[in-house]
Amino acid sequence: MTSLKIYLMIAAGGASGACLRFFISETMLKLLGRGFPFGTLAVNILGSLLIGILYGLIERGIITASPAKTLIGIGFLGALTTFSTFSMDSLVLLQQGHFFKMALNIVLNVAVCIFMAWLGLQLVMQKG
């Protein structure tokens, strides 16, 4: 695959992931308000599940690593998941004195997202 093709695939996946991230974040904001960074949490959970599924599909040979890993893993999921936003959300909560909310945000994003990545992988790796 040529370098230009790789960059175009990352760009296409990234544009789609960024749009979905914005949609999910706005939806969560409308549904649940600004009291907690639910949008960031939601995209991190979804992205973790999807990356587990992607890697499971690659491991089982259902899809090939290239171009799926480039388009979906780097492009789409790279733009969808928001670890940098998660970090800033946590810092803002800390600066506002919301220590419990900050700790909850960190624990949920890390523990739930690792679990979802594992779950996605398990869903694909099960025989049957």
N, C-alpha and C. Protein backbone atom coordinates (compact mmCIF):
# COMPACT_ATOMS: atom_id res chain seq x y z
N MET A 1 0.86 -1.17 0.00
CA MET A 1 0.00 0.00 0.00
C MET A 1 0.91 1.24 0.00
N THR A 2 0.57 2.21 -0.82
CA THR A 2 1.40 3.41 -0.92
C THR A 2 1.18 4.33 0.27
N SER A 3 2.15 5.17 0.52
CA SER A 3 2.04 6.12 1.64
C SER A 3 0.83 7.02 1.50
N LEU A 4 0.57 7.50 0.29
CA LEU A 4 -0.58 8.39 0.07
C LEU A 4 -1.88 7.66 0.40
N LYS A 5 -1.99 6.41 -0.02
CA LYS A 5 -3.20 5.63 0.25
C LYS A 5 -3.39 5.42 1.76
N ILE A 6 -2.31 5.17 2.46
CA ILE A 6 -2.37 4.99 3.92
C ILE A 6 -2.87 6.26 4.59
N TYR A 7 -2.32 7.41 4.20
CA TYR A 7 -2.74 8.67 4.79
C TYR A 7 -4.19 9.01 4.45
N LEU A 8 -4.61 8.68 3.26
CA LEU A 8 -6.00 8.93 2.87
C LEU A 8 -6.96 8.05 3.67
N MET A 9 -6.55 6.82 3.93
CA MET A 9 -7.38 5.92 4.74
C MET A 9 -7.47 6.41 6.18
N ILE A 10 -6.36 6.86 6.72
CA ILE A 10 -6.37 7.40 8.08
C ILE A 10 -7.24 8.65 8.14
N ALA A 11 -7.13 9.49 7.14
CA ALA A 11 -7.93 10.72 7.10
C ALA A 11 -9.43 10.41 7.01
N ALA A 12 -9.79 9.46 6.17
CA ALA A 12 -11.20 9.10 6.02
C ALA A 12 -11.74 8.50 7.33
N GLY A 13 -10.98 7.59 7.91
CA GLY A 13 -11.40 7.02 9.18
C GLY A 13 -11.46 8.06 10.28
N GLY A 14 -10.47 8.94 10.30
CA GLY A 14 -10.41 9.99 11.31
C GLY A 14 -11.58 10.96 11.21
N ALA A 15 -11.94 11.32 9.99
CA ALA A 15 -13.08 12.23 9.81
C ALA A 15 -14.36 11.59 10.33
N SER A 16 -14.55 10.32 10.02
CA SER A 16 -15.74 9.61 10.48
C SER A 16 -15.76 9.48 12.00
N GLY A 17 -14.62 9.12 12.57
CA GLY A 17 -14.53 8.97 14.02
C GLY A 17 -14.76 10.29 14.75
N ALA A 18 -14.21 11.36 14.21
CA ALA A 18 -14.38 12.68 14.83
C ALA A 18 -15.84 13.12 14.79
N CYS A 19 -16.51 12.84 13.68
CA CYS A 19 -17.93 13.20 13.58
C CYS A 19 -18.78 12.39 14.56
N LEU A 20 -18.48 11.10 14.68
CA LEU A 20 -19.22 10.28 15.64
C LEU A 20 -18.93 10.73 17.07
N ARG A 21 -17.70 11.07 17.34
CA ARG A 21 -17.34 11.58 18.67
C ARG A 21 -18.16 12.83 19.00
N PHE A 22 -18.24 13.76 18.07
CA PHE A 22 -19.00 14.99 18.30
C PHE A 22 -20.47 14.67 18.53
N PHE A 23 -21.03 13.79 17.71
CA PHE A 23 -22.44 13.41 17.84
C PHE A 23 -22.72 12.79 19.22
N ILE A 24 -21.89 11.85 19.62
CA ILE A 24 -22.08 11.19 20.92
C ILE A 24 -21.93 12.19 22.06
N SER A 25 -20.91 13.04 21.99
CA SER A 25 -20.67 14.02 23.05
C SER A 25 -21.84 14.99 23.17
N GLU A 26 -22.34 15.47 22.04
CA GLU A 26 -23.48 16.40 22.06
C GLU A 26 -24.74 15.71 22.58
N THR A 27 -24.94 14.48 22.19
CA THR A 27 -26.12 13.73 22.64
C THR A 27 -26.07 13.53 24.15
N MET A 28 -24.92 13.13 24.66
CA MET A 28 -24.78 12.92 26.11
C MET A 28 -24.97 14.23 26.87
N LEU A 29 -24.47 15.32 26.31
CA LEU A 29 -24.62 16.62 26.94
C LEU A 29 -26.10 17.00 27.05
N LYS A 30 -26.84 16.78 25.97
CA LYS A 30 -28.27 17.09 25.97
C LYS A 30 -29.05 16.19 26.93
N LEU A 31 -28.66 14.92 26.98
CA LEU A 31 -29.38 13.97 27.83
C LEU A 31 -29.04 14.09 29.30
N LEU A 32 -27.74 14.32 29.60
CA LEU A 32 -27.29 14.22 30.99
C LEU A 32 -26.69 15.49 31.57
N GLY A 33 -26.53 16.53 30.75
CA GLY A 33 -26.04 17.80 31.25
C GLY A 33 -24.53 17.86 31.38
N ARG A 34 -24.07 18.97 31.98
CA ARG A 34 -22.64 19.26 32.08
C ARG A 34 -22.01 18.87 33.42
N GLY A 35 -22.75 18.22 34.30
CA GLY A 35 -22.25 17.93 35.64
C GLY A 35 -21.14 16.91 35.71
N PHE A 36 -20.98 16.12 34.65
CA PHE A 36 -19.95 15.07 34.59
C PHE A 36 -19.61 14.86 33.13
N PRO A 37 -18.36 14.55 32.80
CA PRO A 37 -17.97 14.38 31.38
C PRO A 37 -18.46 13.05 30.79
N PHE A 38 -19.78 12.90 30.70
CA PHE A 38 -20.37 11.66 30.19
C PHE A 38 -20.01 11.41 28.73
N GLY A 39 -19.90 12.47 27.93
CA GLY A 39 -19.57 12.30 26.51
C GLY A 39 -18.21 11.65 26.33
N THR A 40 -17.22 12.14 27.06
CA THR A 40 -15.88 11.56 26.99
C THR A 40 -15.90 10.11 27.45
N LEU A 41 -16.59 9.85 28.53
CA LEU A 41 -16.69 8.48 29.05
C LEU A 41 -17.36 7.58 28.01
N ALA A 42 -18.44 8.03 27.41
CA ALA A 42 -19.16 7.21 26.43
C ALA A 42 -18.30 6.86 25.22
N VAL A 43 -17.57 7.84 24.68
CA VAL A 43 -16.75 7.53 23.50
C VAL A 43 -15.56 6.65 23.87
N ASN A 44 -15.03 6.81 25.07
CA ASN A 44 -13.93 5.94 25.49
C ASN A 44 -14.40 4.50 25.69
N ILE A 45 -15.59 4.33 26.24
CA ILE A 45 -16.14 2.98 26.42
C ILE A 45 -16.42 2.35 25.06
N LEU A 46 -17.08 3.08 24.18
CA LEU A 46 -17.39 2.56 22.85
C LEU A 46 -16.11 2.25 22.07
N GLY A 47 -15.16 3.16 22.10
CA GLY A 47 -13.90 2.94 21.40
C GLY A 47 -13.15 1.74 21.91
N SER A 48 -13.19 1.52 23.22
CA SER A 48 -12.51 0.36 23.81
C SER A 48 -13.17 -0.94 23.36
N LEU A 49 -14.49 -0.97 23.35
CA LEU A 49 -15.19 -2.15 22.86
C LEU A 49 -14.85 -2.41 21.40
N LEU A 50 -14.88 -1.37 20.58
CA LEU A 50 -14.64 -1.53 19.15
C LEU A 50 -13.20 -1.96 18.85
N ILE A 51 -12.24 -1.45 19.62
CA ILE A 51 -10.86 -1.87 19.35
C ILE A 51 -10.64 -3.33 19.75
N GLY A 52 -11.33 -3.78 20.79
CA GLY A 52 -11.26 -5.20 21.14
C GLY A 52 -11.86 -6.07 20.05
N ILE A 53 -12.98 -5.63 19.50
CA ILE A 53 -13.61 -6.37 18.40
C ILE A 53 -12.70 -6.37 17.17
N LEU A 54 -12.13 -5.23 16.84
CA LEU A 54 -11.23 -5.13 15.68
C LEU A 54 -10.07 -6.10 15.81
N TYR A 55 -9.40 -6.07 16.96
CA TYR A 55 -8.25 -6.95 17.13
C TYR A 55 -8.65 -8.42 17.17
N GLY A 56 -9.82 -8.71 17.71
CA GLY A 56 -10.32 -10.09 17.68
C GLY A 56 -10.57 -10.57 16.26
N LEU A 57 -11.16 -9.71 15.44
CA LEU A 57 -11.40 -10.07 14.04
C LEU A 57 -10.10 -10.28 13.28
N ILE A 58 -9.10 -9.48 13.60
CA ILE A 58 -7.78 -9.65 12.97
C ILE A 58 -7.15 -10.95 13.45
N GLU A 59 -7.19 -11.21 14.76
CA GLU A 59 -6.59 -12.43 15.32
C GLU A 59 -7.22 -13.70 14.75
N ARG A 60 -8.52 -13.66 14.55
CA ARG A 60 -9.22 -14.85 14.02
C ARG A 60 -9.07 -14.97 12.51
N GLY A 61 -8.48 -13.98 11.87
CA GLY A 61 -8.29 -14.03 10.43
C GLY A 61 -9.54 -13.69 9.65
N ILE A 62 -10.54 -13.11 10.31
CA ILE A 62 -11.78 -12.74 9.64
C ILE A 62 -11.56 -11.53 8.75
N ILE A 63 -10.74 -10.61 9.23
CA ILE A 63 -10.31 -9.47 8.40
C ILE A 63 -8.79 -9.39 8.47
N THR A 64 -8.20 -8.76 7.49
CA THR A 64 -6.75 -8.61 7.48
C THR A 64 -6.36 -7.33 8.21
N ALA A 65 -5.20 -7.37 8.80
CA ALA A 65 -4.73 -6.22 9.58
C ALA A 65 -4.63 -4.97 8.70
N SER A 66 -4.19 -5.14 7.49
CA SER A 66 -4.11 -4.01 6.57
C SER A 66 -5.13 -4.24 5.47
N PRO A 67 -6.04 -3.36 5.26
CA PRO A 67 -6.11 -1.96 5.68
C PRO A 67 -6.98 -1.69 6.91
N ALA A 68 -7.60 -2.71 7.49
CA ALA A 68 -8.54 -2.48 8.60
C ALA A 68 -7.90 -1.76 9.77
N LYS A 69 -6.69 -2.19 10.15
CA LYS A 69 -6.01 -1.58 11.29
C LYS A 69 -5.73 -0.10 11.02
N THR A 70 -5.38 0.21 9.78
CA THR A 70 -5.09 1.60 9.42
C THR A 70 -6.36 2.44 9.40
N LEU A 71 -7.37 1.98 8.68
CA LEU A 71 -8.61 2.73 8.52
C LEU A 71 -9.39 2.83 9.83
N ILE A 72 -9.59 1.68 10.47
CA ILE A 72 -10.44 1.65 11.67
C ILE A 72 -9.64 1.93 12.94
N GLY A 73 -8.54 1.20 13.13
CA GLY A 73 -7.78 1.32 14.38
C GLY A 73 -7.11 2.67 14.55
N ILE A 74 -6.37 3.09 13.55
CA ILE A 74 -5.64 4.36 13.66
C ILE A 74 -6.55 5.54 13.34
N GLY A 75 -7.26 5.46 12.22
CA GLY A 75 -8.09 6.59 11.78
C GLY A 75 -9.35 6.77 12.60
N PHE A 76 -10.30 5.84 12.44
CA PHE A 76 -11.61 5.97 13.07
C PHE A 76 -11.54 5.98 14.59
N LEU A 77 -10.91 4.95 15.17
CA LEU A 77 -10.87 4.87 16.64
C LEU A 77 -9.93 5.89 17.25
N GLY A 78 -8.88 6.25 16.51
CA GLY A 78 -7.98 7.29 16.99
C GLY A 78 -8.68 8.64 17.14
N ALA A 79 -9.61 8.92 16.24
CA ALA A 79 -10.36 10.18 16.33
C ALA A 79 -11.56 10.06 17.27
N LEU A 80 -12.12 8.87 17.37
CA LEU A 80 -13.28 8.67 18.23
C LEU A 80 -12.92 8.74 19.71
N THR A 81 -11.90 8.03 20.11
CA THR A 81 -11.55 7.99 21.53
C THR A 81 -10.80 9.26 21.91
N THR A 82 -10.88 9.58 23.16
CA THR A 82 -10.49 10.94 23.56
C THR A 82 -9.67 10.96 24.83
N PHE A 83 -8.57 10.25 24.83
CA PHE A 83 -7.79 10.21 26.06
C PHE A 83 -7.29 11.60 26.47
N SER A 84 -6.92 12.43 25.50
CA SER A 84 -6.47 13.77 25.85
C SER A 84 -7.61 14.58 26.46
N THR A 85 -8.81 14.42 25.94
CA THR A 85 -9.96 15.11 26.51
C THR A 85 -10.26 14.56 27.90
N PHE A 86 -10.14 13.26 28.06
CA PHE A 86 -10.32 12.63 29.37
C PHE A 86 -9.35 13.25 30.39
N SER A 87 -8.12 13.43 29.98
CA SER A 87 -7.12 14.01 30.88
C SER A 87 -7.49 15.43 31.27
N MET A 88 -7.92 16.22 30.29
CA MET A 88 -8.30 17.61 30.58
C MET A 88 -9.56 17.66 31.43
N ASP A 89 -10.54 16.82 31.13
CA ASP A 89 -11.76 16.76 31.96
C ASP A 89 -11.41 16.47 33.41
N SER A 90 -10.50 15.53 33.62
CA SER A 90 -10.10 15.16 34.98
C SER A 90 -9.38 16.32 35.67
N LEU A 91 -8.52 17.00 34.94
CA LEU A 91 -7.80 18.14 35.50
C LEU A 91 -8.76 19.27 35.87
N VAL A 92 -9.73 19.55 35.01
CA VAL A 92 -10.70 20.61 35.30
C VAL A 92 -11.51 20.26 36.54
N LEU A 93 -11.94 19.00 36.65
CA LEU A 93 -12.67 18.59 37.86
C LEU A 93 -11.81 18.78 39.10
N LEU A 94 -10.54 18.45 39.01
CA LEU A 94 -9.62 18.65 40.13
C LEU A 94 -9.50 20.13 40.48
N GLN A 95 -9.32 20.97 39.46
CA GLN A 95 -9.18 22.40 39.69
C GLN A 95 -10.44 23.01 40.29
N GLN A 96 -11.59 22.43 39.98
CA GLN A 96 -12.85 22.93 40.53
C GLN A 96 -13.15 22.36 41.92
N GLY A 97 -12.25 21.53 42.41
CA GLY A 97 -12.43 20.95 43.74
C GLY A 97 -13.36 19.77 43.79
N HIS A 98 -13.71 19.21 42.64
CA HIS A 98 -14.60 18.05 42.58
C HIS A 98 -13.76 16.76 42.60
N PHE A 99 -13.18 16.48 43.75
CA PHE A 99 -12.25 15.36 43.87
C PHE A 99 -12.94 14.01 43.62
N PHE A 100 -14.14 13.84 44.16
CA PHE A 100 -14.85 12.57 43.96
C PHE A 100 -15.18 12.37 42.49
N LYS A 101 -15.69 13.42 41.84
CA LYS A 101 -16.01 13.31 40.42
C LYS A 101 -14.76 13.03 39.59
N MET A 102 -13.65 13.65 39.95
CA MET A 102 -12.40 13.40 39.23
C MET A 102 -12.00 11.94 39.38
N ALA A 103 -12.02 11.43 40.60
CA ALA A 103 -11.63 10.04 40.85
C ALA A 103 -12.59 9.08 40.14
N LEU A 104 -13.87 9.38 40.19
CA LEU A 104 -14.87 8.55 39.50
C LEU A 104 -14.61 8.55 38.00
N ASN A 105 -14.33 9.70 37.44
CA ASN A 105 -14.04 9.81 36.01
C ASN A 105 -12.83 8.95 35.64
N ILE A 106 -11.78 9.01 36.43
CA ILE A 106 -10.56 8.24 36.15
C ILE A 106 -10.84 6.74 36.26
N VAL A 107 -11.47 6.33 37.34
CA VAL A 107 -11.73 4.91 37.56
C VAL A 107 -12.65 4.35 36.47
N LEU A 108 -13.73 5.07 36.16
CA LEU A 108 -14.66 4.58 35.14
C LEU A 108 -13.99 4.50 33.78
N ASN A 109 -13.28 5.54 33.39
CA ASN A 109 -12.64 5.53 32.07
C ASN A 109 -11.59 4.45 31.96
N VAL A 110 -10.80 4.23 32.98
CA VAL A 110 -9.74 3.23 32.89
C VAL A 110 -10.31 1.82 33.05
N ALA A 111 -11.00 1.56 34.14
CA ALA A 111 -11.47 0.20 34.42
C ALA A 111 -12.52 -0.27 33.42
N VAL A 112 -13.52 0.56 33.15
CA VAL A 112 -14.59 0.15 32.24
C VAL A 112 -14.05 -0.01 30.82
N CYS A 113 -13.16 0.88 30.40
CA CYS A 113 -12.64 0.78 29.03
C CYS A 113 -11.74 -0.43 28.85
N ILE A 114 -10.94 -0.76 29.83
CA ILE A 114 -10.13 -1.98 29.73
C ILE A 114 -11.05 -3.20 29.68
N PHE A 115 -12.08 -3.20 30.51
CA PHE A 115 -13.04 -4.30 30.48
C PHE A 115 -13.73 -4.40 29.12
N MET A 116 -14.12 -3.26 28.55
CA MET A 116 -14.82 -3.28 27.26
C MET A 116 -13.90 -3.76 26.14
N ALA A 117 -12.63 -3.40 26.17
CA ALA A 117 -11.69 -3.91 25.17
C ALA A 117 -11.58 -5.43 25.30
N TRP A 118 -11.51 -5.93 26.53
CA TRP A 118 -11.47 -7.37 26.78
C TRP A 118 -12.76 -8.02 26.28
N LEU A 119 -13.91 -7.41 26.57
CA LEU A 119 -15.20 -7.95 26.15
C LEU A 119 -15.29 -8.01 24.63
N GLY A 120 -14.87 -6.94 23.96
CA GLY A 120 -14.89 -6.95 22.51
C GLY A 120 -14.05 -8.07 21.93
N LEU A 121 -12.89 -8.27 22.49
CA LEU A 121 -12.01 -9.34 22.05
C LEU A 121 -12.66 -10.70 22.31
N GLN A 122 -13.26 -10.87 23.49
CA GLN A 122 -13.91 -12.15 23.82
C GLN A 122 -15.09 -12.44 22.91
N LEU A 123 -15.85 -11.42 22.55
CA LEU A 123 -17.01 -11.61 21.68
C LEU A 123 -16.59 -12.19 20.34
N VAL A 124 -15.44 -11.78 19.86
CA VAL A 124 -14.98 -12.25 18.56
C VAL A 124 -14.23 -13.57 18.67
N MET A 125 -13.51 -13.76 19.75
CA MET A 125 -12.64 -14.95 19.87
C MET A 125 -13.39 -16.21 20.26
N GLN A 126 -14.63 -16.09 20.71
CA GLN A 126 -15.41 -17.28 21.08
C GLN A 126 -15.64 -18.15 19.85
N LYS A 127 -15.42 -19.40 20.00
CA LYS A 127 -15.67 -20.34 18.91
C LYS A 127 -17.17 -20.55 18.78
N GLY A 128 -17.62 -20.68 17.57
CA GLY A 128 -19.02 -21.02 17.42
C GLY A 128 -19.69 -20.24 16.47
